[in-house]
Every structure is written in C-alpha cells, then in structure tokens.
Amino acid sequence: MCAYIASTVASRALLVTITTVRPCARAVKRAVGRAVACVTRGWHAGVISGEHVGHIQPREVHVSGSLTARVRLCLALVAAALVVAVLALVVDPSATATAPRIPTKTTAQAELNALTVAAERSMSGYSRDKFPHWDTVSGTCNAREQVLKRDGIDVSVNGDCYPTSGRWYSPYDGVTLHSPSDVDIDHVVPLAEAWRSGANSWSTSKRREFANDLYWPQLRAVSAASNRAKGDRDPTAWKPRSAYHCTYAKMWIRTKYQWKLTVQSAEKSELQRMINTC
C-alpha cells in the first residue's frame, strides 16, 4: 500500500511538473510524509497499515521489523518524486527568468491609484527614431542582447554578445522558443503609447533612456508573434494570455508610474480589472 501511495503521488508530481513547480512541491511533501509514517509504523509495530486511496480499501500487511523490500521500494519512489521536483525547478522557465522590479499587488494598486488620468495626446510628430533604442549597455552587449541573456535560459553568446544557443519562454502566449530570431524584445509600454501618454514633450535623451530601460520592467523577451500582435495597443485593446494578466498589468503600471506617464480612464479601469486577478 505504501508503494502504491508513493507511486501515485510521484506520477502526479511528474504530471504537474509540466505546468508549475508549487503543486509538484506539495505532492512531494505529501509523499514524504506518508512514507515516513509508513516506515515508522512498519519499524516499531511490524505492521504497515494501508490507508484509503481512491477505490483501494484499508488493509494490513504483516512484515518484519526491518526495512523490507516493500518499504525500500516506497522510499525509492519518493526519491523519484523528489528528483522530479528538482527537475521542475530547472525546466520551469517562469521560475528562472523574468523582468526586474515587478511590484507586489499592493504596491501596484497604490501606483495605479496615483497615476494621472488624461486623454491621449496626438500622434502628430511621432517617429520611432525619436526613441533611439538598443544602445550598448555593457561591454559589446546592447540593450536587446542584454534582455535576451537576462530573460533566456542556458543562453550562450559569441564575442559580439549575440546568442548562439539557449531557449526563451514567452509569457505572453506560453510558448518556448529556441532561436533568438524568433524572439522580440517588447517595450511593455509601447513607444507610441508612451508618446501619446506624455513622452511627446520629453527630450530625445529622456526618450532614449526610456527605450533602453533595463532597470524597470519595461523590456521583456517574448515571441515575435505575440509582440507583433500587440503592436502599440494598450490593455483595453490587447492583453496577453489570461494567466499573465496580473504580471503584465503590474509591469505596465510600474512603468507608467516611474516614468510619470498618464493613463486614459478606460485603460485605468482595465488595469484595475487585471490586477484584481492577482
């Protein structure tokens, strides 16, 4: 029975590893607890008492006071579940790569409340050239390449800082990419959106800082497909997959707050709805 319990929990831990680390950790914790209880009863009493698992009814199996083959199998299966959990920490992209300084829900709410609500400015005079981007920021690495390294997993680069291998998890659409040519660096608050929200009055120097901002969560490696689907739209017109609404809203709010950009009324309402999902 102990072996059955451990094998069941281990297989379930393997299944949930595909989606998230936390459920896996909980499953492993349950497996370890049951194994310890099982071994303790077997050692001190010489009897391993089965417990109800699904349709299996309780029963008793008489064993010797030593660690029998059945108990050793139980422990081996729990060890396998622990290995699965460790592997989950390695392969789960969301646990290893993200944009910096994303606020907590409480902080994001305070920052959202503090944003100035105003109508969007005209696009008159806008050009991406007024936001010089991908400046060299470290050694031979420009801002784009720096984000590719930061947001990637097992990334190797050549002497020019261009990735030669690695993989990138795109939280916008939940896909993993294996070629840097399939990855775009998204300006979370698009350059045109920033222009409409107050950047039209900035100096070119300030717009350059904004377009290469590695300090706040304004740059994120995502799939080219999702970035191009987004374009320059705000959250009233485009959002990533629902599982990422909370994080996306917090990044958007933090960027607009730190750069003192305005929001429209409808935009603010949509951001509120999104952080309510956190």
Protein backbone atom coordinates (compact mmCIF):
# COMPACT_ATOMS: atom_id res chain seq x y z
CA MET A 1 0.00 0.00 0.00
CA CYS A 2 2.84 2.39 0.87
CA ALA A 3 4.40 1.68 -2.53
CA TYR A 4 1.05 2.34 -4.19
CA ILE A 5 0.70 5.68 -2.40
CA ALA A 6 4.21 6.81 -3.29
CA SER A 7 3.94 5.72 -6.91
CA THR A 8 0.62 7.54 -7.25
CA VAL A 9 1.97 10.76 -5.77
CA ALA A 10 5.19 10.51 -7.80
CA SER A 11 3.29 10.11 -11.06
CA ARG A 12 1.03 13.03 -10.18
CA ALA A 13 4.07 15.13 -9.29
CA LEU A 14 5.51 14.36 -12.72
CA LEU A 15 2.28 15.47 -14.35
CA VAL A 16 2.06 18.79 -12.54
CA THR A 17 5.74 19.50 -13.17
CA ILE A 18 4.73 20.27 -16.75
CA THR A 19 2.67 23.24 -15.60
CA THR A 20 4.03 24.59 -12.32
CA VAL A 21 6.51 23.93 -9.52
CA ARG A 22 4.34 24.63 -6.48
CA PRO A 23 1.77 21.83 -6.90
CA CYS A 24 4.68 19.47 -7.51
CA ALA A 25 6.31 20.55 -4.27
CA ARG A 26 3.06 19.96 -2.39
CA ALA A 27 2.70 16.50 -3.93
CA VAL A 28 6.26 15.57 -2.96
CA LYS A 29 5.68 16.84 0.59
CA ARG A 30 2.64 14.57 0.87
CA ALA A 31 4.64 11.62 -0.47
CA VAL A 32 7.44 12.13 2.04
CA GLY A 33 5.00 12.47 4.93
CA ARG A 34 3.21 9.28 4.03
CA ALA A 35 6.46 7.39 3.51
CA VAL A 36 7.81 8.45 6.91
CA ALA A 37 4.59 7.45 8.64
CA CYS A 38 4.56 4.18 6.75
CA VAL A 39 8.14 3.31 7.63
CA THR A 40 7.67 4.35 11.28
CA ARG A 41 4.67 2.07 11.70
CA GLY A 42 6.47 -0.79 9.96
CA TRP A 43 9.61 -0.38 12.08
CA HIS A 44 8.02 -0.10 15.51
CA ALA A 45 4.97 -2.26 15.14
CA GLY A 46 5.93 -4.67 12.40
CA VAL A 47 2.69 -3.81 10.63
CA ILE A 48 2.14 -1.44 7.73
CA SER A 49 -1.45 -0.17 7.78
CA GLY A 50 -2.86 0.74 4.38
CA GLU A 51 -4.91 3.88 4.02
CA HIS A 52 -7.79 4.61 1.70
CA VAL A 53 -6.50 5.78 -1.68
CA GLY A 54 -9.20 6.25 -4.34
CA HIS A 55 -11.11 2.95 -4.50
CA ILE A 56 -8.49 0.97 -2.54
CA GLN A 57 -9.78 -0.08 0.91
CA PRO A 58 -7.65 -0.16 4.10
CA ARG A 59 -5.87 -3.44 4.82
CA GLU A 60 -2.93 -4.73 6.86
CA VAL A 61 0.25 -6.29 5.55
CA HIS A 62 2.42 -8.06 8.12
CA VAL A 63 6.15 -7.52 7.69
CA SER A 64 9.29 -7.92 9.76
CA GLY A 65 10.72 -5.10 11.90
CA SER A 66 13.46 -4.36 9.36
CA LEU A 67 13.24 -2.29 6.21
CA THR A 68 11.63 -4.76 3.83
CA ALA A 69 11.79 -4.68 0.07
CA ARG A 70 8.30 -3.13 0.07
CA VAL A 71 9.41 -0.22 2.25
CA ARG A 72 12.61 0.22 0.25
CA LEU A 73 10.51 0.44 -2.89
CA CYS A 74 8.33 3.04 -1.16
CA LEU A 75 11.35 5.15 -0.34
CA ALA A 76 12.76 4.77 -3.86
CA LEU A 77 9.53 6.06 -5.36
CA VAL A 78 9.50 9.05 -3.02
CA ALA A 79 13.11 9.76 -4.02
CA ALA A 80 11.99 9.72 -7.65
CA ALA A 81 9.29 12.26 -6.82
CA LEU A 82 11.91 14.47 -5.20
CA VAL A 83 14.04 14.26 -8.34
CA VAL A 84 11.01 15.31 -10.37
CA ALA A 85 10.61 18.38 -8.15
CA VAL A 86 14.26 19.34 -8.55
CA LEU A 87 13.99 18.97 -12.31
CA ALA A 88 10.90 21.15 -12.24
CA LEU A 89 12.96 23.97 -10.77
CA VAL A 90 15.34 23.64 -13.68
CA VAL A 91 12.89 23.33 -16.57
CA ASP A 92 10.14 25.68 -15.45
CA PRO A 93 11.02 28.90 -17.29
CA SER A 94 8.86 31.17 -15.18
CA ALA A 95 10.96 30.23 -12.14
CA THR A 96 14.24 31.34 -13.68
CA ALA A 97 13.69 34.37 -15.92
CA THR A 98 11.60 37.49 -15.57
CA ALA A 99 11.70 41.27 -15.88
CA PRO A 100 13.16 43.17 -12.91
CA ARG A 101 11.41 45.06 -10.12
CA ILE A 102 7.86 43.96 -10.79
CA PRO A 103 5.83 45.36 -7.88
CA THR A 104 3.65 43.43 -5.50
CA LYS A 105 -0.10 43.65 -5.97
CA THR A 106 -0.37 46.10 -3.06
CA THR A 107 2.32 48.37 -4.48
CA ALA A 108 0.88 48.15 -7.98
CA GLN A 109 -2.51 49.16 -6.63
CA ALA A 110 -1.02 52.20 -4.91
CA GLU A 111 0.86 53.17 -8.06
CA LEU A 112 -2.26 52.72 -10.21
CA ASN A 113 -4.22 54.96 -7.84
CA ALA A 114 -1.53 57.62 -8.18
CA LEU A 115 -1.47 57.71 -11.99
CA THR A 116 -2.82 60.84 -13.65
CA VAL A 117 -5.87 60.20 -15.81
CA ALA A 118 -5.84 62.20 -19.05
CA ALA A 119 -6.87 61.95 -22.67
CA GLU A 120 -4.22 60.66 -25.06
CA ARG A 121 -2.11 63.16 -26.93
CA SER A 122 -1.94 63.36 -30.70
CA MET A 123 0.40 61.11 -32.67
CA SER A 124 1.49 64.16 -34.64
CA GLY A 125 5.27 64.24 -34.97
CA TYR A 126 5.77 60.67 -33.70
CA SER A 127 8.58 58.52 -35.05
CA ARG A 128 10.39 55.54 -33.54
CA ASP A 129 13.59 57.36 -34.43
CA LYS A 130 12.73 59.81 -31.67
CA PHE A 131 13.25 56.93 -29.22
CA PRO A 132 16.82 55.78 -30.04
CA HIS A 133 16.99 52.19 -28.83
CA TRP A 134 19.28 49.21 -28.43
CA ASP A 135 22.17 51.27 -27.11
CA THR A 136 25.31 49.45 -25.97
CA VAL A 137 24.88 48.94 -22.24
CA SER A 138 27.59 46.51 -21.14
CA GLY A 139 30.76 45.51 -23.00
CA THR A 140 29.67 44.58 -26.51
CA CYS A 141 26.07 43.94 -25.45
CA ASN A 142 23.32 46.32 -26.48
CA ALA A 143 20.06 46.57 -24.56
CA ARG A 144 18.32 43.99 -26.76
CA GLU A 145 21.08 41.43 -26.32
CA GLN A 146 21.19 42.09 -22.60
CA VAL A 147 17.49 41.25 -22.32
CA LEU A 148 17.99 38.12 -24.42
CA LYS A 149 20.61 36.99 -21.90
CA ARG A 150 18.54 38.05 -18.88
CA ASP A 151 15.25 36.51 -19.94
CA GLY A 152 16.70 33.40 -21.57
CA ILE A 153 17.58 30.02 -20.15
CA ASP A 154 21.02 28.44 -20.70
CA VAL A 155 21.98 31.24 -23.10
CA SER A 156 25.44 31.24 -24.69
CA VAL A 157 26.68 34.25 -26.66
CA ASN A 158 29.51 34.89 -29.08
CA GLY A 159 32.11 37.65 -28.91
CA ASP A 160 29.58 40.14 -30.25
CA CYS A 161 27.12 39.20 -27.47
CA TYR A 162 24.69 37.60 -29.93
CA PRO A 163 23.12 34.38 -28.59
CA THR A 164 24.39 31.18 -30.21
CA SER A 165 22.21 28.87 -28.13
CA GLY A 166 19.55 28.92 -25.46
CA ARG A 167 15.78 28.98 -25.10
CA TRP A 168 13.28 31.69 -24.27
CA TYR A 169 9.89 31.32 -22.63
CA SER A 170 7.35 33.84 -23.89
CA PRO A 171 4.88 34.55 -21.06
CA TYR A 172 2.54 36.44 -23.39
CA ASP A 173 1.50 33.29 -25.24
CA GLY A 174 3.08 30.49 -23.21
CA VAL A 175 5.48 29.19 -25.87
CA THR A 176 9.16 28.29 -25.62
CA LEU A 177 11.45 29.46 -28.41
CA HIS A 178 14.83 28.01 -29.33
CA SER A 179 16.14 30.61 -31.78
CA PRO A 180 16.83 34.26 -30.96
CA SER A 181 15.46 35.18 -34.38
CA ASP A 182 12.02 34.11 -33.12
CA VAL A 183 12.28 36.39 -30.07
CA ASP A 184 11.31 40.05 -29.93
CA ILE A 185 12.10 42.44 -27.09
CA ASP A 186 8.81 44.06 -26.20
CA HIS A 187 8.55 47.56 -24.83
CA VAL A 188 5.85 46.75 -22.28
CA VAL A 189 4.52 50.28 -22.65
CA PRO A 190 4.96 50.70 -26.41
CA LEU A 191 6.92 53.68 -27.67
CA ALA A 192 3.90 55.10 -29.49
CA GLU A 193 1.78 54.63 -26.34
CA ALA A 194 4.42 56.48 -24.34
CA TRP A 195 4.33 59.30 -26.89
CA ARG A 196 0.55 59.59 -26.50
CA SER A 197 0.93 59.48 -22.71
CA GLY A 198 3.37 62.35 -22.30
CA ALA A 199 6.66 61.34 -23.92
CA ASN A 200 5.89 63.69 -26.81
CA SER A 201 7.17 66.51 -24.60
CA TRP A 202 10.35 64.72 -23.49
CA SER A 203 13.84 65.43 -24.73
CA THR A 204 15.44 62.91 -27.09
CA SER A 205 17.83 61.97 -24.29
CA LYS A 206 14.97 61.04 -21.97
CA ARG A 207 13.20 59.09 -24.70
CA ARG A 208 16.47 57.18 -25.28
CA GLU A 209 16.61 56.25 -21.59
CA PHE A 210 13.02 55.04 -21.74
CA ALA A 211 13.58 52.94 -24.86
CA ASN A 212 16.60 51.20 -23.29
CA ASP A 213 15.25 50.92 -19.75
CA LEU A 214 16.74 47.82 -18.10
CA TYR A 215 16.07 48.97 -14.56
CA TRP A 216 12.27 48.93 -14.51
CA PRO A 217 10.15 46.13 -16.03
CA GLN A 218 9.76 47.90 -19.38
CA LEU A 219 11.61 45.40 -21.58
CA ARG A 220 10.62 41.73 -21.90
CA ALA A 221 11.70 38.94 -24.24
CA VAL A 222 8.60 37.45 -25.88
CA SER A 223 7.67 35.65 -29.07
CA ALA A 224 7.80 37.75 -32.21
CA ALA A 225 4.25 36.61 -32.98
CA SER A 226 2.81 37.93 -29.71
CA ASN A 227 4.76 41.18 -29.86
CA ARG A 228 3.57 41.94 -33.36
CA ALA A 229 0.01 41.04 -32.49
CA LYS A 230 0.20 43.56 -29.64
CA GLY A 231 1.60 46.42 -31.73
CA ASP A 232 1.27 49.74 -29.89
CA ARG A 233 -2.04 48.94 -28.20
CA ASP A 234 -2.81 49.43 -24.52
CA PRO A 235 -4.56 46.81 -22.34
CA THR A 236 -8.03 47.94 -23.43
CA ALA A 237 -7.24 46.65 -26.92
CA TRP A 238 -4.67 43.88 -26.36
CA LYS A 239 -3.72 41.61 -23.47
CA PRO A 240 -1.50 38.53 -23.15
CA ARG A 241 -2.98 35.17 -22.19
CA SER A 242 -5.15 35.32 -19.08
CA ALA A 243 -2.60 33.56 -16.86
CA TYR A 244 -0.26 36.53 -17.34
CA HIS A 245 -2.78 39.34 -16.85
CA CYS A 246 -1.67 40.04 -13.28
CA THR A 247 2.05 40.28 -14.04
CA TYR A 248 1.51 42.22 -17.25
CA ALA A 249 -0.67 44.80 -15.50
CA LYS A 250 1.89 45.21 -12.72
CA MET A 251 4.69 45.79 -15.25
CA TRP A 252 2.58 48.29 -17.20
CA ILE A 253 1.58 50.18 -14.06
CA ARG A 254 5.13 50.26 -12.70
CA THR A 255 6.50 51.61 -15.98
CA LYS A 256 3.89 54.34 -16.32
CA TYR A 257 4.26 55.30 -12.67
CA GLN A 258 8.06 55.50 -12.69
CA TRP A 259 8.15 57.43 -15.96
CA LYS A 260 5.23 59.68 -14.95
CA LEU A 261 3.11 58.80 -17.95
CA THR A 262 -0.65 59.29 -17.96
CA VAL A 263 -3.46 56.77 -18.41
CA GLN A 264 -6.86 57.02 -20.00
CA SER A 265 -9.93 56.33 -17.88
CA ALA A 266 -10.77 53.11 -19.75
CA GLU A 267 -7.13 52.00 -19.55
CA LYS A 268 -7.07 52.51 -15.79
CA SER A 269 -10.29 50.53 -15.37
CA GLU A 270 -8.87 47.65 -17.41
CA LEU A 271 -5.64 47.65 -15.41
CA GLN A 272 -7.71 47.52 -12.21
CA ARG A 273 -9.60 44.50 -13.52
CA MET A 274 -6.33 42.80 -14.40
CA ILE A 275 -4.64 43.29 -11.03
CA ASN A 276 -7.81 42.07 -9.36
CA THR A 277 -6.86 38.66 -10.80
CA CYS A 278 -3.59 38.61 -8.83
